[in-house]
Amino acid sequence: PRTPLDSRAAKRGTSVYLMDRVIPMLPRALCEHACSLNPNEDRLTVSVTWIMDSNAHIHQTRIAKSIIRSRAKLSYKRAQLIINNSSSPSSSSSSASCSSSSSFSHGTLCTELRESEQK
């Protein structure tokens, strides 16, 4: 069924990120809470995992229901600093999910993923 929320989202297509603000695809209450990756909150999702070679050719694809948990809410600038320095978002964080400091330089996206039970 077509709802007002569906119509609004279809008009926008995606959230627009400008230097000084975001124009959200969905109403703010959804974007900032229910659909946002807020730190330390579990979110149900469908994750896609690719095994790729050095030329970015996909050799294997896996799609699975999963639960994700963000560790920090970061600005683009802060995220880039973390990538450049291969450090965790918080200096007090001792459980960074990247075990190798070379992971970032090899293009690895480090996440913690725990699959939900299939029903």
N, C-alpha and C. Protein backbone atom coordinates (compact mmCIF):
# COMPACT_ATOMS: atom_id res chain seq x y z
N PRO A 1 0.83 -1.21 0.00
CA PRO A 1 0.00 0.00 0.00
C PRO A 1 0.86 1.26 0.00
N ARG A 2 0.43 2.22 -0.73
CA ARG A 2 1.13 3.50 -0.84
C ARG A 2 0.72 4.38 0.33
N THR A 3 1.69 4.73 1.17
CA THR A 3 1.42 5.59 2.32
C THR A 3 2.04 6.96 2.07
N PRO A 4 1.66 7.97 2.86
CA PRO A 4 2.33 9.27 2.73
C PRO A 4 3.84 9.17 2.92
N LEU A 5 4.27 8.29 3.80
CA LEU A 5 5.71 8.09 4.02
C LEU A 5 6.37 7.54 2.75
N ASP A 6 5.73 6.57 2.10
CA ASP A 6 6.26 6.03 0.84
C ASP A 6 6.38 7.12 -0.22
N SER A 7 5.36 7.96 -0.31
CA SER A 7 5.36 9.04 -1.32
C SER A 7 6.49 10.03 -1.07
N ARG A 8 6.66 10.40 0.20
CA ARG A 8 7.72 11.35 0.54
C ARG A 8 9.10 10.77 0.24
N ALA A 9 9.29 9.51 0.61
CA ALA A 9 10.58 8.86 0.37
C ALA A 9 10.84 8.72 -1.13
N ALA A 10 9.82 8.40 -1.90
CA ALA A 10 9.98 8.24 -3.35
C ALA A 10 10.36 9.56 -4.02
N LYS A 11 9.82 10.66 -3.53
CA LYS A 11 10.15 11.98 -4.09
C LYS A 11 11.61 12.32 -3.84
N ARG A 12 12.10 11.99 -2.66
CA ARG A 12 13.48 12.32 -2.31
C ARG A 12 14.46 11.30 -2.87
N GLY A 13 14.10 10.03 -2.84
CA GLY A 13 14.99 8.98 -3.35
C GLY A 13 16.11 8.62 -2.39
N THR A 14 16.69 9.59 -1.75
CA THR A 14 17.80 9.37 -0.81
C THR A 14 17.96 10.61 0.06
N SER A 15 18.63 10.47 1.17
CA SER A 15 18.97 11.64 1.97
C SER A 15 20.07 12.40 1.25
N VAL A 16 20.04 13.72 1.35
CA VAL A 16 21.04 14.57 0.71
C VAL A 16 21.93 15.14 1.79
N TYR A 17 23.24 14.91 1.68
CA TYR A 17 24.20 15.37 2.67
C TYR A 17 24.95 16.58 2.12
N LEU A 18 24.72 17.73 2.73
CA LEU A 18 25.42 18.95 2.37
C LEU A 18 26.49 19.22 3.43
N MET A 19 27.34 20.18 3.17
CA MET A 19 28.42 20.48 4.12
C MET A 19 27.91 20.86 5.50
N ASP A 20 26.81 21.58 5.54
CA ASP A 20 26.34 22.11 6.83
C ASP A 20 25.03 21.50 7.32
N ARG A 21 24.42 20.58 6.55
CA ARG A 21 23.15 20.00 6.98
C ARG A 21 22.80 18.78 6.14
N VAL A 22 21.78 18.08 6.59
CA VAL A 22 21.27 16.92 5.87
C VAL A 22 19.80 17.17 5.56
N ILE A 23 19.41 16.86 4.34
CA ILE A 23 17.99 16.90 3.97
C ILE A 23 17.56 15.43 3.92
N PRO A 24 16.86 14.97 4.96
CA PRO A 24 16.56 13.54 5.06
C PRO A 24 15.48 13.06 4.09
N MET A 25 15.62 11.82 3.66
CA MET A 25 14.63 11.20 2.80
C MET A 25 13.36 10.91 3.59
N LEU A 26 13.53 10.50 4.82
CA LEU A 26 12.41 10.16 5.69
C LEU A 26 12.23 11.25 6.75
N PRO A 27 11.10 11.28 7.44
CA PRO A 27 10.91 12.26 8.52
C PRO A 27 12.02 12.15 9.56
N ARG A 28 12.38 13.27 10.15
CA ARG A 28 13.49 13.33 11.11
C ARG A 28 13.37 12.30 12.24
N ALA A 29 12.14 12.10 12.74
CA ALA A 29 11.96 11.14 13.84
C ALA A 29 12.45 9.75 13.46
N LEU A 30 12.25 9.37 12.22
CA LEU A 30 12.75 8.07 11.75
C LEU A 30 14.25 8.13 11.48
N CYS A 31 14.69 9.16 10.79
CA CYS A 31 16.11 9.28 10.42
C CYS A 31 17.02 9.38 11.63
N GLU A 32 16.60 10.07 12.64
CA GLU A 32 17.47 10.31 13.79
C GLU A 32 17.33 9.28 14.89
N HIS A 33 16.30 8.44 14.81
CA HIS A 33 16.10 7.47 15.89
C HIS A 33 15.93 6.05 15.35
N ALA A 34 14.76 5.71 14.89
CA ALA A 34 14.45 4.32 14.52
C ALA A 34 15.33 3.78 13.40
N CYS A 35 15.70 4.60 12.43
CA CYS A 35 16.47 4.13 11.28
C CYS A 35 17.93 4.58 11.32
N SER A 36 18.35 5.17 12.39
CA SER A 36 19.71 5.71 12.49
C SER A 36 20.63 4.71 13.18
N LEU A 37 21.88 4.72 12.78
CA LEU A 37 22.89 3.88 13.43
C LEU A 37 23.46 4.62 14.63
N ASN A 38 22.66 4.74 15.66
CA ASN A 38 23.11 5.40 16.88
C ASN A 38 24.06 4.47 17.63
N PRO A 39 25.06 5.03 18.28
CA PRO A 39 26.04 4.21 19.00
C PRO A 39 25.39 3.32 20.05
N ASN A 40 25.90 2.10 20.13
CA ASN A 40 25.52 1.13 21.15
C ASN A 40 24.05 0.71 21.12
N GLU A 41 23.45 0.74 19.94
CA GLU A 41 22.07 0.26 19.78
C GLU A 41 22.06 -0.78 18.67
N ASP A 42 21.45 -1.94 18.95
CA ASP A 42 21.34 -2.98 17.94
C ASP A 42 20.34 -2.57 16.86
N ARG A 43 20.66 -2.91 15.62
CA ARG A 43 19.77 -2.66 14.48
C ARG A 43 19.69 -3.92 13.65
N LEU A 44 18.47 -4.33 13.33
CA LEU A 44 18.26 -5.47 12.44
C LEU A 44 18.50 -5.00 11.01
N THR A 45 19.19 -5.82 10.24
CA THR A 45 19.52 -5.42 8.88
C THR A 45 19.71 -6.66 8.00
N VAL A 46 19.87 -6.42 6.74
CA VAL A 46 20.30 -7.45 5.81
C VAL A 46 21.68 -7.02 5.34
N SER A 47 22.67 -7.87 5.56
CA SER A 47 24.05 -7.55 5.20
C SER A 47 24.46 -8.31 3.95
N VAL A 48 25.22 -7.65 3.12
CA VAL A 48 25.78 -8.26 1.91
C VAL A 48 27.29 -8.32 2.11
N THR A 49 27.85 -9.51 1.97
CA THR A 49 29.30 -9.70 2.09
C THR A 49 29.82 -10.17 0.75
N TRP A 50 30.83 -9.47 0.25
CA TRP A 50 31.46 -9.84 -1.02
C TRP A 50 32.88 -10.28 -0.77
N ILE A 51 33.30 -11.29 -1.49
CA ILE A 51 34.72 -11.63 -1.57
C ILE A 51 35.17 -11.14 -2.93
N MET A 52 36.15 -10.22 -2.91
CA MET A 52 36.61 -9.57 -4.13
C MET A 52 38.11 -9.75 -4.28
N ASP A 53 38.56 -9.70 -5.53
CA ASP A 53 39.99 -9.75 -5.76
C ASP A 53 40.55 -8.32 -5.79
N SER A 54 41.83 -8.19 -6.04
CA SER A 54 42.47 -6.87 -6.01
C SER A 54 41.99 -5.94 -7.12
N ASN A 55 41.29 -6.49 -8.11
CA ASN A 55 40.72 -5.67 -9.19
C ASN A 55 39.24 -5.37 -8.98
N ALA A 56 38.77 -5.66 -7.79
CA ALA A 56 37.37 -5.41 -7.39
C ALA A 56 36.37 -6.28 -8.14
N HIS A 57 36.82 -7.43 -8.64
CA HIS A 57 35.90 -8.39 -9.23
C HIS A 57 35.30 -9.22 -8.11
N ILE A 58 33.99 -9.34 -8.11
CA ILE A 58 33.31 -10.08 -7.05
C ILE A 58 33.34 -11.57 -7.38
N HIS A 59 33.85 -12.37 -6.43
CA HIS A 59 33.94 -13.81 -6.63
C HIS A 59 32.91 -14.57 -5.82
N GLN A 60 32.42 -13.96 -4.77
CA GLN A 60 31.42 -14.63 -3.94
C GLN A 60 30.55 -13.57 -3.27
N THR A 61 29.26 -13.83 -3.21
CA THR A 61 28.32 -12.93 -2.55
C THR A 61 27.54 -13.72 -1.52
N ARG A 62 27.37 -13.12 -0.37
CA ARG A 62 26.58 -13.74 0.70
C ARG A 62 25.63 -12.70 1.24
N ILE A 63 24.36 -13.03 1.32
CA ILE A 63 23.33 -12.13 1.86
C ILE A 63 22.73 -12.82 3.08
N ALA A 64 22.71 -12.10 4.21
CA ALA A 64 22.22 -12.71 5.45
C ALA A 64 21.54 -11.67 6.33
N LYS A 65 20.53 -12.13 7.04
CA LYS A 65 19.94 -11.29 8.08
C LYS A 65 20.99 -11.14 9.18
N SER A 66 21.09 -9.95 9.74
CA SER A 66 22.12 -9.72 10.75
C SER A 66 21.69 -8.65 11.74
N ILE A 67 22.47 -8.52 12.76
CA ILE A 67 22.29 -7.47 13.76
C ILE A 67 23.59 -6.67 13.75
N ILE A 68 23.46 -5.36 13.59
CA ILE A 68 24.65 -4.51 13.63
C ILE A 68 24.56 -3.56 14.80
N ARG A 69 25.71 -3.14 15.28
CA ARG A 69 25.79 -2.20 16.40
C ARG A 69 26.90 -1.22 16.10
N SER A 70 26.52 0.04 15.93
CA SER A 70 27.50 1.09 15.69
C SER A 70 28.26 1.37 16.97
N ARG A 71 29.53 1.69 16.85
CA ARG A 71 30.33 2.02 18.04
C ARG A 71 30.40 3.52 18.29
N ALA A 72 30.19 4.32 17.24
CA ALA A 72 30.33 5.77 17.40
C ALA A 72 29.58 6.49 16.29
N LYS A 73 29.14 7.70 16.61
CA LYS A 73 28.54 8.57 15.59
C LYS A 73 29.64 9.54 15.18
N LEU A 74 30.05 9.46 13.92
CA LEU A 74 31.21 10.20 13.47
C LEU A 74 30.88 11.18 12.35
N SER A 75 31.57 12.29 12.35
CA SER A 75 31.52 13.19 11.20
C SER A 75 32.41 12.57 10.11
N TYR A 76 32.27 13.03 8.88
CA TYR A 76 33.13 12.53 7.82
C TYR A 76 34.60 12.82 8.13
N LYS A 77 34.86 13.99 8.69
CA LYS A 77 36.23 14.38 9.02
C LYS A 77 36.82 13.42 10.07
N ARG A 78 36.06 13.13 11.11
CA ARG A 78 36.54 12.24 12.18
C ARG A 78 36.74 10.82 11.64
N ALA A 79 35.82 10.35 10.80
CA ALA A 79 35.95 9.02 10.23
C ALA A 79 37.22 8.92 9.38
N GLN A 80 37.50 9.96 8.61
CA GLN A 80 38.71 9.95 7.78
C GLN A 80 39.97 9.94 8.63
N LEU A 81 39.95 10.68 9.74
CA LEU A 81 41.10 10.66 10.66
C LEU A 81 41.33 9.26 11.21
N ILE A 82 40.25 8.57 11.53
CA ILE A 82 40.37 7.21 12.06
C ILE A 82 40.94 6.29 10.99
N ILE A 83 40.46 6.42 9.76
CA ILE A 83 40.99 5.60 8.66
C ILE A 83 42.47 5.89 8.45
N ASN A 84 42.83 7.17 8.42
CA ASN A 84 44.23 7.55 8.20
C ASN A 84 45.14 7.06 9.31
N ASN A 85 44.66 7.08 10.54
CA ASN A 85 45.48 6.70 11.69
C ASN A 85 45.27 5.27 12.13
N SER A 86 44.33 4.56 11.50
CA SER A 86 44.01 3.17 11.88
C SER A 86 43.78 3.04 13.37
N SER A 87 43.03 4.00 13.93
CA SER A 87 42.73 3.94 15.35
C SER A 87 41.23 3.75 15.54
N SER A 88 40.84 3.44 16.75
CA SER A 88 39.43 3.26 17.05
C SER A 88 38.78 4.62 17.28
N PRO A 89 37.43 4.72 17.16
CA PRO A 89 36.74 5.99 17.32
C PRO A 89 36.95 6.65 18.68
N SER A 90 37.15 5.86 19.69
CA SER A 90 37.33 6.40 21.03
C SER A 90 38.65 5.90 21.59
N SER A 91 39.41 6.81 22.17
CA SER A 91 40.70 6.39 22.73
C SER A 91 40.50 5.41 23.86
N SER A 92 39.32 5.40 24.46
CA SER A 92 39.05 4.48 25.55
C SER A 92 38.54 3.14 25.05
N SER A 93 38.29 3.05 23.75
CA SER A 93 37.77 1.80 23.20
C SER A 93 38.90 0.79 23.07
N SER A 94 38.79 -0.30 23.81
CA SER A 94 39.82 -1.32 23.75
C SER A 94 39.39 -2.50 22.90
N SER A 95 38.18 -2.43 22.34
CA SER A 95 37.68 -3.59 21.59
C SER A 95 37.48 -3.25 20.12
N ALA A 96 38.44 -2.58 19.53
CA ALA A 96 38.34 -2.27 18.10
C ALA A 96 38.26 -3.57 17.33
N SER A 97 37.42 -3.59 16.29
CA SER A 97 37.19 -4.85 15.58
C SER A 97 38.24 -5.13 14.52
N CYS A 98 39.15 -4.21 14.24
CA CYS A 98 40.22 -4.46 13.27
C CYS A 98 41.43 -5.00 14.01
N SER A 99 41.84 -6.18 13.65
CA SER A 99 42.99 -6.75 14.35
C SER A 99 44.30 -6.35 13.71
N SER A 100 44.28 -5.88 12.48
CA SER A 100 45.51 -5.53 11.80
C SER A 100 45.49 -4.06 11.40
N SER A 101 46.54 -3.34 11.73
CA SER A 101 46.59 -1.92 11.38
C SER A 101 46.70 -1.72 9.88
N SER A 102 47.09 -2.77 9.16
CA SER A 102 47.19 -2.66 7.70
C SER A 102 45.84 -2.85 7.02
N SER A 103 44.81 -3.23 7.78
CA SER A 103 43.50 -3.48 7.19
C SER A 103 42.98 -2.29 6.41
N PHE A 104 43.10 -1.09 6.99
CA PHE A 104 42.59 0.10 6.33
C PHE A 104 43.34 0.36 5.03
N SER A 105 44.66 0.20 5.04
CA SER A 105 45.43 0.48 3.84
C SER A 105 45.13 -0.51 2.71
N HIS A 106 44.58 -1.66 3.04
CA HIS A 106 44.22 -2.65 2.03
C HIS A 106 42.74 -2.55 1.66
N GLY A 107 42.06 -1.53 2.12
CA GLY A 107 40.67 -1.31 1.73
C GLY A 107 39.66 -2.12 2.51
N THR A 108 40.04 -2.65 3.63
CA THR A 108 39.13 -3.46 4.43
C THR A 108 38.19 -2.58 5.23
N LEU A 109 36.93 -2.89 5.20
CA LEU A 109 35.95 -2.22 6.04
C LEU A 109 35.76 -3.11 7.25
N CYS A 110 36.13 -2.61 8.42
CA CYS A 110 36.08 -3.42 9.63
C CYS A 110 34.77 -3.20 10.36
N THR A 111 34.07 -4.28 10.60
CA THR A 111 32.80 -4.21 11.32
C THR A 111 32.69 -5.40 12.23
N GLU A 112 31.80 -5.32 13.16
CA GLU A 112 31.44 -6.50 13.93
C GLU A 112 30.06 -6.90 13.47
N LEU A 113 29.87 -8.15 13.18
CA LEU A 113 28.63 -8.64 12.63
C LEU A 113 28.25 -9.92 13.33
N ARG A 114 27.04 -9.98 13.79
CA ARG A 114 26.57 -11.21 14.39
C ARG A 114 25.26 -11.54 13.71
N GLU A 115 25.20 -12.70 13.12
CA GLU A 115 24.02 -13.07 12.35
C GLU A 115 22.86 -13.38 13.27
N SER A 116 21.67 -12.97 12.84
CA SER A 116 20.49 -13.34 13.60
C SER A 116 20.11 -14.76 13.24
N GLU A 117 19.32 -15.39 14.07
CA GLU A 117 18.92 -16.75 13.78
C GLU A 117 17.95 -16.75 12.61
N GLN A 118 18.15 -17.65 11.69
CA GLN A 118 17.24 -17.81 10.56
C GLN A 118 15.99 -18.51 11.03
N LYS A 119 14.85 -18.03 10.59
CA LYS A 119 13.58 -18.66 11.00
C LYS A 119 12.95 -19.37 9.83
